[in-house]
């Protein structure tokens, strides 16, 4: 994770609120996070939420249907 994104409020999961790891030793777990780009904003999903909603994400369903 770059220094620009470390510690920012948007470094949390948009569904459950889990925080992205800021520790450089946890690079592999940081790579498992999914970014959603929507209307000029970026929202992150933790690996658990991304795995749970992968079909919804791929179908591009609005969040209210998850």
PDB file of N, CA and C in Angstrom:
ATOM      1  N   UNK A   1       0.853  -1.166   0.000  1.00  0.00           N
ATOM      2  CA  UNK A   1       0.000   0.000   0.000  1.00  0.00           C
ATOM      3  C   UNK A   1       0.898   1.227   0.000  1.00  0.00           C
ATOM      4  N   UNK A   2       0.531   2.240  -0.744  1.00  0.00           N
ATOM      5  CA  UNK A   2       1.365   3.423  -0.841  1.00  0.00           C
ATOM      6  C   UNK A   2       1.207   4.311   0.380  1.00  0.00           C
ATOM      7  N   UNK A   3       2.154   5.220   0.559  1.00  0.00           N
ATOM      8  CA  UNK A   3       2.081   6.145   1.684  1.00  0.00           C
ATOM      9  C   UNK A   3       0.881   7.083   1.544  1.00  0.00           C
ATOM     10  N   UNK A   4       0.438   7.321   0.305  1.00  0.00           N
ATOM     11  CA  UNK A   4      -0.679   8.228   0.082  1.00  0.00           C
ATOM     12  C   UNK A   4      -1.983   7.678   0.642  1.00  0.00           C
ATOM     13  N   UNK A   5      -2.154   6.354   0.662  1.00  0.00           N
ATOM     14  CA  UNK A   5      -3.417   5.783   1.103  1.00  0.00           C
ATOM     15  C   UNK A   5      -3.392   5.300   2.539  1.00  0.00           C
ATOM     16  N   UNK A   6      -2.226   5.225   3.145  1.00  0.00           N
ATOM     17  CA  UNK A   6      -2.141   4.691   4.508  1.00  0.00           C
ATOM     18  C   UNK A   6      -2.834   5.610   5.496  1.00  0.00           C
ATOM     19  N   UNK A   7      -3.743   5.046   6.286  1.00  0.00           N
ATOM     20  CA  UNK A   7      -4.374   5.791   7.355  1.00  0.00           C
ATOM     21  C   UNK A   7      -5.529   6.692   6.937  1.00  0.00           C
ATOM     22  N   UNK A   8      -5.913   6.693   5.692  1.00  0.00           N
ATOM     23  CA  UNK A   8      -7.046   7.517   5.273  1.00  0.00           C
ATOM     24  C   UNK A   8      -8.346   6.839   5.661  1.00  0.00           C
ATOM     25  N   UNK A   9      -9.432   7.622   5.864  1.00  0.00           N
ATOM     26  CA  UNK A   9     -10.707   7.022   6.264  1.00  0.00           C
ATOM     27  C   UNK A   9     -11.261   6.049   5.237  1.00  0.00           C
ATOM     28  N   UNK A  10     -10.921   6.209   3.961  1.00  0.00           N
ATOM     29  CA  UNK A  10     -11.454   5.308   2.950  1.00  0.00           C
ATOM     30  C   UNK A  10     -10.658   4.004   2.865  1.00  0.00           C
ATOM     31  N   UNK A  11      -9.783   3.762   3.817  1.00  0.00           N
ATOM     32  CA  UNK A  11      -9.040   2.503   3.890  1.00  0.00           C
ATOM     33  C   UNK A  11      -9.808   1.470   4.710  1.00  0.00           C
ATOM     34  N   UNK A  12     -11.113   1.605   4.737  1.00  0.00           N
ATOM     35  CA  UNK A  12     -11.961   0.650   5.445  1.00  0.00           C
ATOM     36  C   UNK A  12     -12.919   0.001   4.454  1.00  0.00           C
ATOM     37  N   UNK A  13     -13.393  -1.157   4.813  1.00  0.00           N
ATOM     38  CA  UNK A  13     -14.349  -1.880   3.976  1.00  0.00           C
ATOM     39  C   UNK A  13     -15.667  -1.107   3.947  1.00  0.00           C
ATOM     40  N   UNK A  14     -16.200  -0.910   2.765  1.00  0.00           N
ATOM     41  CA  UNK A  14     -17.451  -0.192   2.611  1.00  0.00           C
ATOM     42  C   UNK A  14     -18.663  -0.955   3.117  1.00  0.00           C
ATOM     43  N   UNK A  15     -18.521  -2.256   3.368  1.00  0.00           N
ATOM     44  CA  UNK A  15     -19.640  -3.067   3.858  1.00  0.00           C
ATOM     45  C   UNK A  15     -19.562  -3.310   5.358  1.00  0.00           C
ATOM     46  N   UNK A  16     -18.420  -3.789   5.851  1.00  0.00           N
ATOM     47  CA  UNK A  16     -18.339  -4.203   7.264  1.00  0.00           C
ATOM     48  C   UNK A  16     -17.475  -3.280   8.124  1.00  0.00           C
ATOM     49  N   UNK A  17     -16.712  -2.380   7.515  1.00  0.00           N
ATOM     50  CA  UNK A  17     -15.899  -1.443   8.283  1.00  0.00           C
ATOM     51  C   UNK A  17     -14.518  -1.952   8.670  1.00  0.00           C
ATOM     52  N   UNK A  18     -14.134  -3.141   8.205  1.00  0.00           N
ATOM     53  CA  UNK A  18     -12.788  -3.654   8.515  1.00  0.00           C
ATOM     54  C   UNK A  18     -11.738  -2.710   7.927  1.00  0.00           C
ATOM     55  N   UNK A  19     -10.611  -2.574   8.611  1.00  0.00           N
ATOM     56  CA  UNK A  19      -9.546  -1.675   8.144  1.00  0.00           C
ATOM     57  C   UNK A  19      -8.528  -2.416   7.307  1.00  0.00           C
ATOM     58  N   UNK A  20      -8.052  -1.753   6.232  1.00  0.00           N
ATOM     59  CA  UNK A  20      -6.981  -2.316   5.414  1.00  0.00           C
ATOM     60  C   UNK A  20      -5.697  -2.293   6.217  1.00  0.00           C
ATOM     61  N   UNK A  21      -4.882  -3.337   6.100  1.00  0.00           N
ATOM     62  CA  UNK A  21      -3.623  -3.371   6.861  1.00  0.00           C
ATOM     63  C   UNK A  21      -2.650  -2.301   6.370  1.00  0.00           C
ATOM     64  N   UNK A  22      -2.054  -1.569   7.304  1.00  0.00           N
ATOM     65  CA  UNK A  22      -1.070  -0.542   6.964  1.00  0.00           C
ATOM     66  C   UNK A  22       0.347  -1.072   7.131  1.00  0.00           C
ATOM     67  N   UNK A  23       0.489  -2.265   7.688  1.00  0.00           N
ATOM     68  CA  UNK A  23       1.786  -2.879   7.939  1.00  0.00           C
ATOM     69  C   UNK A  23       2.392  -3.356   6.617  1.00  0.00           C
ATOM     70  N   UNK A  24       3.619  -2.930   6.273  1.00  0.00           N
ATOM     71  CA  UNK A  24       4.237  -3.369   5.024  1.00  0.00           C
ATOM     72  C   UNK A  24       4.474  -4.879   4.961  1.00  0.00           C
ATOM     73  N   UNK A  25       4.506  -5.558   6.110  1.00  0.00           N
ATOM     74  CA  UNK A  25       4.687  -7.007   6.120  1.00  0.00           C
ATOM     75  C   UNK A  25       3.423  -7.746   5.698  1.00  0.00           C
ATOM     76  N   UNK A  26       2.287  -7.052   5.668  1.00  0.00           N
ATOM     77  CA  UNK A  26       1.029  -7.696   5.300  1.00  0.00           C
ATOM     78  C   UNK A  26       0.618  -7.327   3.868  1.00  0.00           C
ATOM     79  N   UNK A  27       1.604  -7.211   2.973  1.00  0.00           N
ATOM     80  CA  UNK A  27       1.346  -6.821   1.590  1.00  0.00           C
ATOM     81  C   UNK A  27       0.392  -7.785   0.901  1.00  0.00           C
ATOM     82  N   UNK A  28       0.556  -9.079   1.122  1.00  0.00           N
ATOM     83  CA  UNK A  28      -0.311 -10.050   0.459  1.00  0.00           C
ATOM     84  C   UNK A  28      -1.766  -9.890   0.882  1.00  0.00           C
ATOM     85  N   UNK A  29      -2.010  -9.639   2.146  1.00  0.00           N
ATOM     86  CA  UNK A  29      -3.396  -9.457   2.573  1.00  0.00           C
ATOM     87  C   UNK A  29      -3.963  -8.150   2.029  1.00  0.00           C
ATOM     88  N   UNK A  30      -3.140  -7.127   1.857  1.00  0.00           N
ATOM     89  CA  UNK A  30      -3.615  -5.861   1.281  1.00  0.00           C
ATOM     90  C   UNK A  30      -3.994  -6.053  -0.187  1.00  0.00           C
ATOM     91  N   UNK A  31      -3.319  -6.958  -0.884  1.00  0.00           N
ATOM     92  CA  UNK A  31      -3.630  -7.215  -2.294  1.00  0.00           C
ATOM     93  C   UNK A  31      -4.960  -7.930  -2.477  1.00  0.00           C
ATOM     94  N   UNK A  32      -5.474  -8.553  -1.438  1.00  0.00           N
ATOM     95  CA  UNK A  32      -6.730  -9.290  -1.530  1.00  0.00           C
ATOM     96  C   UNK A  32      -7.947  -8.365  -1.485  1.00  0.00           C
ATOM     97  N   UNK A  33      -7.745  -7.095  -1.170  1.00  0.00           N
ATOM     98  CA  UNK A  33      -8.857  -6.157  -1.104  1.00  0.00           C
ATOM     99  C   UNK A  33      -9.322  -5.791  -2.512  1.00  0.00           C
ATOM    100  N   UNK A  34     -10.607  -5.499  -2.650  1.00  0.00           N
ATOM    101  CA  UNK A  34     -11.210  -5.165  -3.936  1.00  0.00           C
ATOM    102  C   UNK A  34     -11.626  -3.697  -3.947  1.00  0.00           C
ATOM    103  N   UNK A  35     -11.280  -2.993  -5.017  1.00  0.00           N
ATOM    104  CA  UNK A  35     -11.659  -1.585  -5.155  1.00  0.00           C
ATOM    105  C   UNK A  35     -12.843  -1.471  -6.106  1.00  0.00           C
ATOM    106  N   UNK A  36     -13.829  -0.691  -5.706  1.00  0.00           N
ATOM    107  CA  UNK A  36     -14.983  -0.409  -6.547  1.00  0.00           C
ATOM    108  C   UNK A  36     -14.913   1.059  -6.957  1.00  0.00           C
ATOM    109  N   UNK A  37     -14.902   1.314  -8.247  1.00  0.00           N
ATOM    110  CA  UNK A  37     -14.858   2.679  -8.762  1.00  0.00           C
ATOM    111  C   UNK A  37     -16.254   3.050  -9.241  1.00  0.00           C
ATOM    112  N   UNK A  38     -16.824   4.070  -8.616  1.00  0.00           N
ATOM    113  CA  UNK A  38     -18.194   4.455  -8.918  1.00  0.00           C
ATOM    114  C   UNK A  38     -18.343   5.965  -8.835  1.00  0.00           C
ATOM    115  N   UNK A  39     -18.755   6.581  -9.931  1.00  0.00           N
ATOM    116  CA  UNK A  39     -19.023   8.024  -9.977  1.00  0.00           C
ATOM    117  C   UNK A  39     -17.867   8.855  -9.418  1.00  0.00           C
ATOM    118  N   UNK A  40     -16.653   8.499  -9.770  1.00  0.00           N
ATOM    119  CA  UNK A  40     -15.491   9.258  -9.349  1.00  0.00           C
ATOM    120  C   UNK A  40     -14.991   8.981  -7.947  1.00  0.00           C
ATOM    121  N   UNK A  41     -15.585   8.022  -7.247  1.00  0.00           N
ATOM    122  CA  UNK A  41     -15.110   7.672  -5.911  1.00  0.00           C
ATOM    123  C   UNK A  41     -14.630   6.221  -5.902  1.00  0.00           C
ATOM    124  N   UNK A  42     -13.790   5.918  -4.946  1.00  0.00           N
ATOM    125  CA  UNK A  42     -13.284   4.558  -4.788  1.00  0.00           C
ATOM    126  C   UNK A  42     -13.742   4.042  -3.435  1.00  0.00           C
ATOM    127  N   UNK A  43     -14.384   2.872  -3.446  1.00  0.00           N
ATOM    128  CA  UNK A  43     -14.784   2.194  -2.209  1.00  0.00           C
ATOM    129  C   UNK A  43     -14.055   0.866  -2.158  1.00  0.00           C
ATOM    130  N   UNK A  44     -13.623   0.475  -0.982  1.00  0.00           N
ATOM    131  CA  UNK A  44     -12.890  -0.777  -0.810  1.00  0.00           C
ATOM    132  C   UNK A  44     -13.772  -1.840  -0.173  1.00  0.00           C
ATOM    133  N   UNK A  45     -13.533  -3.087  -0.569  1.00  0.00           N
ATOM    134  CA  UNK A  45     -14.188  -4.236   0.061  1.00  0.00           C
ATOM    135  C   UNK A  45     -13.109  -5.158   0.598  1.00  0.00           C
ATOM    136  N   UNK A  46     -13.279  -5.609   1.841  1.00  0.00           N
ATOM    137  CA  UNK A  46     -12.328  -6.547   2.431  1.00  0.00           C
ATOM    138  C   UNK A  46     -12.462  -7.900   1.712  1.00  0.00           C
ATOM    139  N   UNK A  47     -11.481  -8.763   1.850  1.00  0.00           N
ATOM    140  CA  UNK A  47     -11.547 -10.064   1.170  1.00  0.00           C
ATOM    141  C   UNK A  47     -12.799 -10.871   1.532  1.00  0.00           C
ATOM    142  N   UNK A  48     -13.235 -10.825   2.788  1.00  0.00           N
ATOM    143  CA  UNK A  48     -14.421 -11.590   3.193  1.00  0.00           C
ATOM    144  C   UNK A  48     -15.683 -11.071   2.503  1.00  0.00           C
ATOM    145  N   UNK A  49     -15.872  -9.750   2.484  1.00  0.00           N
ATOM    146  CA  UNK A  49     -17.060  -9.179   1.841  1.00  0.00           C
ATOM    147  C   UNK A  49     -17.004  -9.358   0.325  1.00  0.00           C
ATOM    148  N   UNK A  50     -15.817  -9.210  -0.261  1.00  0.00           N
ATOM    149  CA  UNK A  50     -15.684  -9.407  -1.703  1.00  0.00           C
ATOM    150  C   UNK A  50     -16.029 -10.848  -2.080  1.00  0.00           C
ATOM    151  N   UNK A  51     -15.554 -11.797  -1.275  1.00  0.00           N
ATOM    152  CA  UNK A  51     -15.844 -13.207  -1.533  1.00  0.00           C
ATOM    153  C   UNK A  51     -17.340 -13.495  -1.377  1.00  0.00           C
ATOM    154  N   UNK A  52     -17.940 -12.905  -0.357  1.00  0.00           N
ATOM    155  CA  UNK A  52     -19.357 -13.127  -0.083  1.00  0.00           C
ATOM    156  C   UNK A  52     -20.255 -12.542  -1.187  1.00  0.00           C
ATOM    157  N   UNK A  53     -19.828 -11.440  -1.795  1.00  0.00           N
ATOM    158  CA  UNK A  53     -20.664 -10.736  -2.770  1.00  0.00           C
ATOM    159  C   UNK A  53     -20.094 -10.767  -4.187  1.00  0.00           C
ATOM    160  N   UNK A  54     -19.252 -11.731  -4.491  1.00  0.00           N
ATOM    161  CA  UNK A  54     -18.597 -11.758  -5.799  1.00  0.00           C
ATOM    162  C   UNK A  54     -19.610 -11.818  -6.945  1.00  0.00           C
ATOM    163  N   UNK A  55     -20.664 -12.570  -6.808  1.00  0.00           N
ATOM    164  CA  UNK A  55     -21.673 -12.643  -7.884  1.00  0.00           C
ATOM    165  C   UNK A  55     -22.403 -11.320  -8.052  1.00  0.00           C
ATOM    166  N   UNK A  56     -22.689 -10.646  -6.948  1.00  0.00           N
ATOM    167  CA  UNK A  56     -23.346  -9.344  -7.008  1.00  0.00           C
ATOM    168  C   UNK A  56     -22.441  -8.318  -7.689  1.00  0.00           C
ATOM    169  N   UNK A  57     -21.149  -8.379  -7.371  1.00  0.00           N
ATOM    170  CA  UNK A  57     -20.179  -7.459  -7.961  1.00  0.00           C
ATOM    171  C   UNK A  57     -20.069  -7.704  -9.456  1.00  0.00           C
ATOM    172  N   UNK A  58     -19.903  -8.959  -9.842  1.00  0.00           N
ATOM    173  CA  UNK A  58     -19.759  -9.299 -11.258  1.00  0.00           C
ATOM    174  C   UNK A  58     -21.013  -8.950 -12.057  1.00  0.00           C
ATOM    175  N   UNK A  59     -22.179  -9.076 -11.445  1.00  0.00           N
ATOM    176  CA  UNK A  59     -23.441  -8.752 -12.124  1.00  0.00           C
ATOM    177  C   UNK A  59     -23.705  -7.244 -12.100  1.00  0.00           C
ATOM    178  N   UNK A  60     -22.844  -6.485 -11.399  1.00  0.00           N
ATOM    179  CA  UNK A  60     -22.979  -5.037 -11.256  1.00  0.00           C
ATOM    180  C   UNK A  60     -24.325  -4.640 -10.672  1.00  0.00           C
ATOM    181  N   UNK A  61     -24.775  -5.432  -9.700  1.00  0.00           N
ATOM    182  CA  UNK A  61     -26.020  -5.110  -9.005  1.00  0.00           C
ATOM    183  C   UNK A  61     -25.799  -3.911  -8.080  1.00  0.00           C
ATOM    184  N   UNK A  62     -26.771  -3.041  -7.952  1.00  0.00           N
ATOM    185  CA  UNK A  62     -26.649  -1.944  -6.985  1.00  0.00           C
ATOM    186  C   UNK A  62     -26.510  -2.509  -5.568  1.00  0.00           C
ATOM    187  N   UNK A  63     -25.809  -1.780  -4.717  1.00  0.00           N
ATOM    188  CA  UNK A  63     -25.557  -2.223  -3.336  1.00  0.00           C
ATOM    189  C   UNK A  63     -26.824  -2.572  -2.577  1.00  0.00           C
ATOM    190  N   UNK A  64     -27.920  -1.892  -2.848  1.00  0.00           N
ATOM    191  CA  UNK A  64     -29.139  -2.168  -2.083  1.00  0.00           C
ATOM    192  C   UNK A  64     -29.690  -3.570  -2.333  1.00  0.00           C
ATOM    193  N   UNK A  65     -29.253  -4.250  -3.388  1.00  0.00           N
ATOM    194  CA  UNK A  65     -29.704  -5.618  -3.665  1.00  0.00           C
ATOM    195  C   UNK A  65     -28.792  -6.675  -3.042  1.00  0.00           C
ATOM    196  N   UNK A  66     -27.681  -6.254  -2.434  1.00  0.00           N
ATOM    197  CA  UNK A  66     -26.765  -7.200  -1.814  1.00  0.00           C
ATOM    198  C   UNK A  66     -27.381  -7.648  -0.544  1.00  0.00           C
TER     199      UNK A  66
END
